[in-house]
Amino acid sequence: MVKEGSSRYAEAGVDIDKGNEFVERIKPMVAATFRSGVLTGLGGFGGLFALGSGKYKDPVLVSSTDGVGTKLMIAQLCGRHDTIGIDLVAMCVNDIVVSGAHPLFFLDYFASGGLDLEVATAVVKGIAKGCEIAKCSLIGGETAEMPGMYRRGEYDLAGFVVGISEREKIIDGSDIRVGDTLIGLASSGLHSNGYSLVRRICFEELKLSVNDRIDEFGCTLGEELLRPTRIYSETLLNLIKNFRVKGLVHITGGGLIDNVPRVLPNGCKALIDAKTWEVPPVFEFLRQNGRVSALEMCRTFNNGIGMVVVVDAKEAEDALNQLEALGEKPYIIGEIAAGGQKDGAEPLVEIDCG
């Protein structure tokens, strides 16, 4: 029997009124990210963004979409949801800045088994913070309640970013030559990759909880695993103004081994010395306790390097100095050498792990 005044849809797990309240809650956060070019506020069917006229001679739009994987499960275990949105923005924005693109606008997709206003608001707070760091506008998104698809308390995230670059200034690695220098930018930790293995090692094998304090980390396990992914866009866009950056590589799933080859032209390979940078304690903790080989570590995690910059050897020291001035921890981690085969006959990346 249906109660008078009740909503059958709400009884089925989807509360339209709560969804409308959520939109009202996040409007100020979203508006705070708006930059010139945004033509609409939150609540329309589509977000409008004007490129303007005359600013670009031959503009090219660059887009990317990504998620944060099972790092979401760590946020849910910790009951902390205000930083996972930063990860979401970082994973998308870092993917387009490697082309030399300036981020313009961002959209998010938030799906759950049932909308929890406090959790969803915290997530969007993180997304808005990430957009502020990246200087792009959060102009829209989708909030989906799907009972039966997700359990109560569970949610999933996806992000979408669009940026812009002048065609002649696109960075694609085609200018990379033998003798060029590789500069690695320090990561903030695990970023957002490898968490399925992290969860297996930490929770299933070591029987740890997110509240356990790990001496090597100087914090709890949950705090370490939730460190937000570093957003490199502003740093790299500033570097590009002053140096001829030949290649940029976002180190995500596949690590240095699988990502660096994505920008190498034929006849070039990367020689990397893993002893040249400081590796955050979390990686050694996982290697030792998880019995993970050096090769697998280099293919699963970033191991302390979140972005790789390729420059002419003559500009390497000056580029290093500017990166330090911009607040990064840069390291000269290797060089470009002759060799390597795209067909897999010869490795495109050689890493000396010591």
Protein backbone atom coordinates (compact mmCIF):
# COMPACT_ATOMS: atom_id res chain seq x y z
CA MET A 1 0.00 0.00 0.00
CA VAL A 2 1.36 3.42 -0.96
CA LYS A 3 1.44 6.00 1.84
CA GLU A 4 -0.24 9.31 1.08
CA GLY A 5 2.29 11.93 0.00
CA SER A 6 5.08 9.40 -0.46
CA SER A 7 7.25 9.13 -3.54
CA ARG A 8 7.47 5.72 -5.19
CA TYR A 9 10.74 6.84 -6.84
CA ALA A 10 12.22 7.74 -3.45
CA GLU A 11 11.06 4.41 -2.09
CA ALA A 12 12.92 2.78 -4.97
CA GLY A 13 16.08 4.60 -3.90
CA VAL A 14 16.14 7.79 -5.98
CA ASP A 15 15.30 11.05 -4.21
CA ILE A 16 14.76 13.90 -6.68
CA ASP A 17 14.34 16.50 -3.94
CA LYS A 18 17.64 15.52 -2.36
CA GLY A 19 19.30 15.83 -5.77
CA ASN A 20 17.94 19.35 -6.17
CA GLU A 21 19.18 20.26 -2.69
CA PHE A 22 22.63 18.94 -3.63
CA VAL A 23 22.77 21.23 -6.67
CA GLU A 24 21.93 24.23 -4.48
CA ARG A 25 24.64 23.26 -1.99
CA ILE A 26 27.42 23.08 -4.54
CA LYS A 27 26.53 26.15 -6.63
CA PRO A 28 28.84 28.51 -4.66
CA MET A 29 31.77 26.06 -4.91
CA VAL A 30 31.28 25.68 -8.64
CA ALA A 31 30.89 29.42 -9.23
CA ALA A 32 34.20 30.04 -7.44
CA THR A 33 36.01 28.14 -10.22
CA PHE A 34 34.57 30.19 -13.10
CA ARG A 35 37.04 31.98 -15.34
CA SER A 36 36.49 34.18 -18.36
CA GLY A 37 34.68 32.25 -21.06
CA VAL A 38 32.04 30.61 -18.86
CA LEU A 39 28.60 31.61 -20.15
CA THR A 40 26.26 29.55 -17.98
CA GLY A 41 25.76 28.77 -14.33
CA LEU A 42 25.09 25.35 -12.82
CA GLY A 43 21.73 23.75 -13.54
CA GLY A 44 21.39 23.92 -17.30
CA PHE A 45 21.37 20.99 -19.68
CA GLY A 46 24.84 21.84 -20.94
CA GLY A 47 27.73 24.06 -19.93
CA LEU A 48 28.64 26.84 -22.35
CA PHE A 49 32.20 28.12 -22.74
CA ALA A 50 33.32 30.77 -25.24
CA LEU A 51 36.82 30.53 -26.67
CA GLY A 52 36.85 34.18 -27.61
CA SER A 53 38.13 35.57 -30.88
CA GLY A 54 41.62 36.64 -31.81
CA LYS A 55 43.40 35.02 -28.87
CA TYR A 56 44.49 31.96 -30.87
CA LYS A 57 45.61 31.88 -34.51
CA ASP A 58 45.05 28.14 -35.03
CA PRO A 59 43.50 26.72 -31.85
CA VAL A 60 43.33 23.00 -31.12
CA LEU A 61 41.12 21.58 -28.37
CA VAL A 62 42.65 18.85 -26.23
CA SER A 63 40.45 16.59 -24.09
CA SER A 64 40.83 13.77 -21.60
CA THR A 65 38.70 11.65 -19.31
CA ASP A 66 39.76 9.58 -16.32
CA GLY A 67 38.83 8.33 -12.86
CA VAL A 68 40.71 7.57 -9.65
CA GLY A 69 40.31 3.80 -9.60
CA THR A 70 40.02 1.94 -6.32
CA LYS A 71 41.50 4.85 -4.39
CA LEU A 72 37.81 5.61 -3.95
CA MET A 73 37.60 2.61 -1.65
CA ILE A 74 40.27 4.13 0.60
CA ALA A 75 38.26 7.35 0.87
CA GLN A 76 35.20 5.31 1.82
CA LEU A 77 37.14 3.28 4.40
CA CYS A 78 38.53 6.48 5.94
CA GLY A 79 35.21 8.32 5.78
CA ARG A 80 37.09 11.23 4.20
CA HIS A 81 35.89 12.52 0.86
CA ASP A 82 37.23 16.08 0.51
CA THR A 83 40.47 15.27 -1.37
CA ILE A 84 39.47 12.54 -3.81
CA GLY A 85 38.09 15.24 -6.13
CA ILE A 86 41.57 16.78 -6.34
CA ASP A 87 42.81 13.41 -7.59
CA LEU A 88 40.07 13.36 -10.20
CA VAL A 89 41.03 16.76 -11.60
CA ALA A 90 44.74 15.93 -11.47
CA MET A 91 44.40 12.70 -13.43
CA CYS A 92 42.60 14.51 -16.25
CA VAL A 93 44.46 17.83 -16.29
CA ASN A 94 47.91 16.24 -16.12
CA ASP A 95 46.99 14.23 -19.21
CA ILE A 96 46.30 17.28 -21.37
CA VAL A 97 49.08 19.55 -20.12
CA VAL A 98 51.62 17.09 -21.58
CA SER A 99 50.46 18.37 -24.98
CA GLY A 100 51.08 21.93 -23.85
CA ALA A 101 47.36 22.62 -23.45
CA HIS A 102 45.86 25.14 -21.05
CA PRO A 103 42.89 23.62 -19.17
CA LEU A 104 39.64 25.44 -19.93
CA PHE A 105 36.78 23.58 -18.27
CA PHE A 106 36.00 20.43 -16.33
CA LEU A 107 32.94 18.22 -15.87
CA ASP A 108 32.38 15.43 -13.38
CA TYR A 109 30.21 12.31 -13.14
CA PHE A 110 29.19 11.17 -9.65
CA ALA A 111 27.27 7.89 -9.37
CA SER A 112 26.06 6.29 -6.15
CA GLY A 113 23.62 3.77 -4.74
CA GLY A 114 21.88 6.59 -2.90
CA LEU A 115 22.81 10.25 -2.59
CA ASP A 116 24.47 11.19 0.70
CA LEU A 117 24.44 14.99 0.72
CA GLU A 118 27.43 15.37 3.06
CA VAL A 119 29.61 12.92 1.14
CA ALA A 120 28.69 14.26 -2.29
CA THR A 121 29.25 17.85 -1.19
CA ALA A 122 32.69 16.96 0.18
CA VAL A 123 33.59 15.27 -3.10
CA VAL A 124 32.59 18.32 -5.15
CA LYS A 125 34.50 20.54 -2.72
CA GLY A 126 37.63 18.59 -3.68
CA ILE A 127 36.84 18.81 -7.37
CA ALA A 128 36.40 22.58 -7.07
CA LYS A 129 39.71 22.83 -5.20
CA GLY A 130 41.45 20.87 -7.94
CA CYS A 131 39.96 23.14 -10.58
CA GLU A 132 41.20 26.21 -8.69
CA ILE A 133 44.72 24.78 -8.59
CA ALA A 134 44.58 23.96 -12.31
CA LYS A 135 42.90 27.28 -13.13
CA CYS A 136 40.06 25.67 -15.03
CA SER A 137 36.31 26.06 -14.60
CA LEU A 138 33.94 23.42 -13.27
CA ILE A 139 30.99 24.11 -15.56
CA GLY A 140 28.78 21.06 -15.10
CA GLY A 141 28.41 17.42 -14.29
CA GLU A 142 26.03 14.57 -13.62
CA THR A 143 24.81 13.13 -10.33
CA ALA A 144 23.29 9.67 -10.76
CA GLU A 145 21.53 7.60 -8.11
CA MET A 146 21.54 3.95 -9.13
CA PRO A 147 20.29 1.67 -6.35
CA GLY A 148 21.01 -1.93 -7.26
CA MET A 149 24.06 -0.90 -9.30
CA TYR A 150 25.93 0.41 -6.26
CA ARG A 151 25.47 -0.43 -2.59
CA ARG A 152 24.55 2.27 -0.09
CA GLY A 153 27.67 4.21 0.88
CA GLU A 154 29.44 3.42 -2.39
CA TYR A 155 30.05 5.88 -5.20
CA ASP A 156 32.07 6.16 -8.39
CA LEU A 157 33.67 9.14 -10.09
CA ALA A 158 34.73 10.12 -13.58
CA GLY A 159 36.13 13.41 -14.82
CA PHE A 160 36.28 15.14 -18.18
CA VAL A 161 38.51 18.10 -19.10
CA VAL A 162 38.91 20.22 -22.22
CA GLY A 163 41.94 22.41 -22.84
CA ILE A 164 43.35 24.47 -25.69
CA SER A 165 46.66 24.88 -27.45
CA GLU A 166 48.02 26.74 -30.45
CA ARG A 167 48.57 24.11 -33.14
CA GLU A 168 52.20 25.10 -33.74
CA LYS A 169 52.95 24.86 -30.01
CA ILE A 170 51.62 21.35 -29.43
CA ILE A 171 54.17 19.13 -27.65
CA ASP A 172 54.19 15.61 -29.09
CA GLY A 173 57.75 14.34 -28.63
CA SER A 174 58.65 14.60 -32.32
CA ASP A 175 61.50 17.04 -31.52
CA ILE A 176 63.19 14.68 -29.05
CA ARG A 177 66.76 13.84 -30.04
CA VAL A 178 69.62 11.67 -28.78
CA GLY A 179 71.42 13.48 -25.96
CA ASP A 180 68.34 15.24 -24.55
CA THR A 181 67.93 15.28 -20.78
CA LEU A 182 65.11 13.73 -18.74
CA ILE A 183 63.94 15.72 -15.72
CA GLY A 184 61.63 14.02 -13.25
CA LEU A 185 59.19 15.95 -11.08
CA ALA A 186 58.54 14.46 -7.65
CA SER A 187 55.18 12.89 -6.99
CA SER A 188 53.29 13.44 -3.75
CA GLY A 189 53.11 9.69 -3.22
CA LEU A 190 51.10 6.97 -4.91
CA HIS A 191 48.91 9.48 -6.77
CA SER A 192 45.99 7.40 -8.16
CA ASN A 193 47.48 4.22 -9.59
CA GLY A 194 48.21 0.74 -8.31
CA TYR A 195 45.61 0.75 -5.54
CA SER A 196 44.31 -2.73 -6.28
CA LEU A 197 47.77 -4.08 -5.43
CA VAL A 198 48.09 -1.67 -2.50
CA ARG A 199 44.83 -2.93 -1.02
CA ARG A 200 45.88 -6.56 -1.52
CA ILE A 201 49.20 -5.99 0.29
CA CYS A 202 48.01 -3.72 3.07
CA PHE A 203 44.58 -5.07 3.95
CA GLU A 204 44.52 -8.70 2.82
CA GLU A 205 48.12 -9.78 3.41
CA LEU A 206 49.34 -7.47 6.21
CA LYS A 207 45.87 -7.20 7.84
CA LEU A 208 46.33 -3.48 8.44
CA SER A 209 43.55 -0.92 8.82
CA VAL A 210 43.45 2.64 7.54
CA ASN A 211 43.76 3.86 11.15
CA ASP A 212 47.05 2.05 11.81
CA ARG A 213 49.97 4.44 12.23
CA ILE A 214 52.98 3.52 10.09
CA ASP A 215 56.25 4.87 11.50
CA GLU A 216 57.90 5.11 8.07
CA PHE A 217 55.10 7.38 6.86
CA GLY A 218 54.81 9.54 9.96
CA CYS A 219 51.03 9.23 9.70
CA THR A 220 48.28 6.65 9.50
CA LEU A 221 48.03 4.28 6.55
CA GLY A 222 44.81 5.96 5.43
CA GLU A 223 46.37 9.43 5.47
CA GLU A 224 49.29 8.23 3.35
CA LEU A 225 47.08 6.45 0.84
CA LEU A 226 44.82 9.49 0.47
CA ARG A 227 47.57 12.00 -0.32
CA PRO A 228 46.17 13.92 -3.31
CA THR A 229 47.69 13.52 -6.75
CA ARG A 230 49.91 16.47 -7.62
CA ILE A 231 48.57 18.83 -10.28
CA TYR A 232 51.45 19.94 -12.52
CA SER A 233 49.65 22.11 -15.07
CA GLU A 234 50.58 25.59 -13.85
CA THR A 235 54.22 24.61 -13.30
CA LEU A 236 54.59 23.11 -16.76
CA LEU A 237 52.76 25.91 -18.57
CA ASN A 238 55.15 28.38 -16.94
CA LEU A 239 58.15 26.26 -17.90
CA ILE A 240 57.00 26.10 -21.52
CA LYS A 241 57.03 29.90 -21.71
CA ASN A 242 60.79 30.01 -21.12
CA PHE A 243 62.16 26.72 -22.43
CA ARG A 244 61.84 24.51 -25.46
CA VAL A 245 60.15 21.56 -23.83
CA LYS A 246 60.39 18.65 -26.27
CA GLY A 247 58.33 16.08 -24.42
CA LEU A 248 56.17 15.64 -21.33
CA VAL A 249 55.07 12.37 -19.76
CA HIS A 250 52.41 11.89 -17.07
CA ILE A 251 53.48 8.85 -15.05
CA THR A 252 50.31 6.88 -14.36
CA GLY A 253 49.43 3.18 -14.70
CA GLY A 254 52.36 1.41 -16.35
CA GLY A 255 54.89 3.60 -14.54
CA LEU A 256 58.02 4.90 -16.21
CA ILE A 257 58.42 1.77 -18.32
CA ASP A 258 55.12 2.02 -20.19
CA ASN A 259 54.52 5.78 -20.21
CA VAL A 260 57.85 7.28 -21.33
CA PRO A 261 57.79 5.40 -24.68
CA ARG A 262 54.54 7.17 -25.57
CA VAL A 263 56.50 10.32 -26.51
CA LEU A 264 59.68 8.78 -27.95
CA PRO A 265 60.26 9.10 -31.71
CA ASN A 266 61.69 6.19 -33.69
CA GLY A 267 65.35 5.53 -33.04
CA CYS A 268 65.31 6.87 -29.47
CA LYS A 269 65.21 5.18 -26.09
CA ALA A 270 65.33 6.51 -22.53
CA LEU A 271 68.08 5.64 -20.09
CA ILE A 272 66.88 6.25 -16.53
CA ASP A 273 68.86 5.98 -13.30
CA ALA A 274 66.48 5.25 -10.41
CA LYS A 275 69.18 6.22 -7.88
CA THR A 276 68.95 9.89 -8.88
CA TRP A 277 65.77 10.79 -7.00
CA GLU A 278 64.32 10.47 -3.53
CA VAL A 279 61.76 7.66 -3.35
CA PRO A 280 58.92 8.26 -0.83
CA PRO A 281 58.80 5.63 1.96
CA VAL A 282 55.45 4.22 0.83
CA PHE A 283 57.04 2.61 -2.22
CA GLU A 284 59.77 0.80 -0.28
CA PHE A 285 57.14 -0.29 2.25
CA LEU A 286 55.08 -1.86 -0.53
CA ARG A 287 58.10 -3.40 -2.27
CA GLN A 288 59.39 -5.12 0.85
CA ASN A 289 56.13 -6.13 2.49
CA GLY A 290 54.46 -7.10 -0.78
CA ARG A 291 57.49 -8.92 -2.19
CA VAL A 292 57.19 -6.91 -5.40
CA SER A 293 60.09 -7.09 -7.86
CA ALA A 294 61.90 -3.95 -8.99
CA LEU A 295 60.56 -4.42 -12.52
CA GLU A 296 56.96 -4.71 -11.35
CA MET A 297 57.37 -1.67 -9.10
CA CYS A 298 58.44 0.31 -12.17
CA ARG A 299 55.43 -0.88 -14.17
CA THR A 300 52.80 -0.48 -11.42
CA PHE A 301 53.70 2.68 -9.49
CA ASN A 302 55.25 6.08 -10.18
CA ASN A 303 57.96 5.37 -7.57
CA GLY A 304 58.28 9.05 -6.71
CA ILE A 305 58.24 10.58 -10.21
CA GLY A 306 54.87 11.98 -11.30
CA MET A 307 55.91 13.80 -14.46
CA VAL A 308 58.88 13.61 -16.83
CA VAL A 309 60.14 16.61 -18.82
CA VAL A 310 62.42 16.24 -21.86
CA VAL A 311 64.65 19.22 -22.68
CA ASP A 312 67.87 19.91 -24.54
CA ALA A 313 70.87 19.02 -22.36
CA LYS A 314 72.14 22.61 -22.60
CA GLU A 315 68.94 23.91 -20.98
CA ALA A 316 68.61 21.23 -18.30
CA GLU A 317 70.21 23.09 -15.39
CA ASP A 318 68.31 26.31 -16.06
CA ALA A 319 65.05 24.38 -16.41
CA LEU A 320 65.83 22.61 -13.13
CA ASN A 321 66.29 25.97 -11.41
CA GLN A 322 62.99 27.33 -12.68
CA LEU A 323 61.14 24.19 -11.63
CA GLU A 324 62.57 24.55 -8.12
CA ALA A 325 61.52 28.21 -8.07
CA LEU A 326 57.99 27.10 -9.02
CA GLY A 327 57.81 24.84 -5.97
CA GLU A 328 58.63 21.50 -7.55
CA LYS A 329 61.23 18.91 -6.54
CA PRO A 330 62.96 18.21 -9.88
CA TYR A 331 65.70 15.68 -10.55
CA ILE A 332 67.81 14.93 -13.61
CA ILE A 333 66.91 11.25 -13.97
CA GLY A 334 68.40 10.24 -17.31
CA GLU A 335 68.93 10.93 -20.96
CA ILE A 336 67.81 10.02 -24.46
CA ALA A 337 70.03 7.52 -26.27
CA ALA A 338 70.04 5.94 -29.71
CA GLY A 339 68.18 2.66 -30.13
CA GLY A 340 64.87 1.20 -29.12
CA GLN A 341 62.32 -0.46 -31.36
CA LYS A 342 58.61 0.34 -31.41
CA ASP A 343 57.89 -3.27 -32.34
CA GLY A 344 59.15 -4.43 -28.96
CA ALA A 345 62.32 -6.06 -30.31
CA GLU A 346 64.41 -3.68 -28.22
CA PRO A 347 63.26 -1.93 -25.00
CA LEU A 348 62.43 1.76 -25.26
CA VAL A 349 63.19 2.38 -21.58
CA GLU A 350 66.16 1.05 -19.64
CA ILE A 351 66.05 1.68 -15.89
CA ASP A 352 69.03 1.16 -13.60
CA CYS A 353 67.48 0.32 -10.23
CA GLY A 354 70.84 -0.12 -8.53
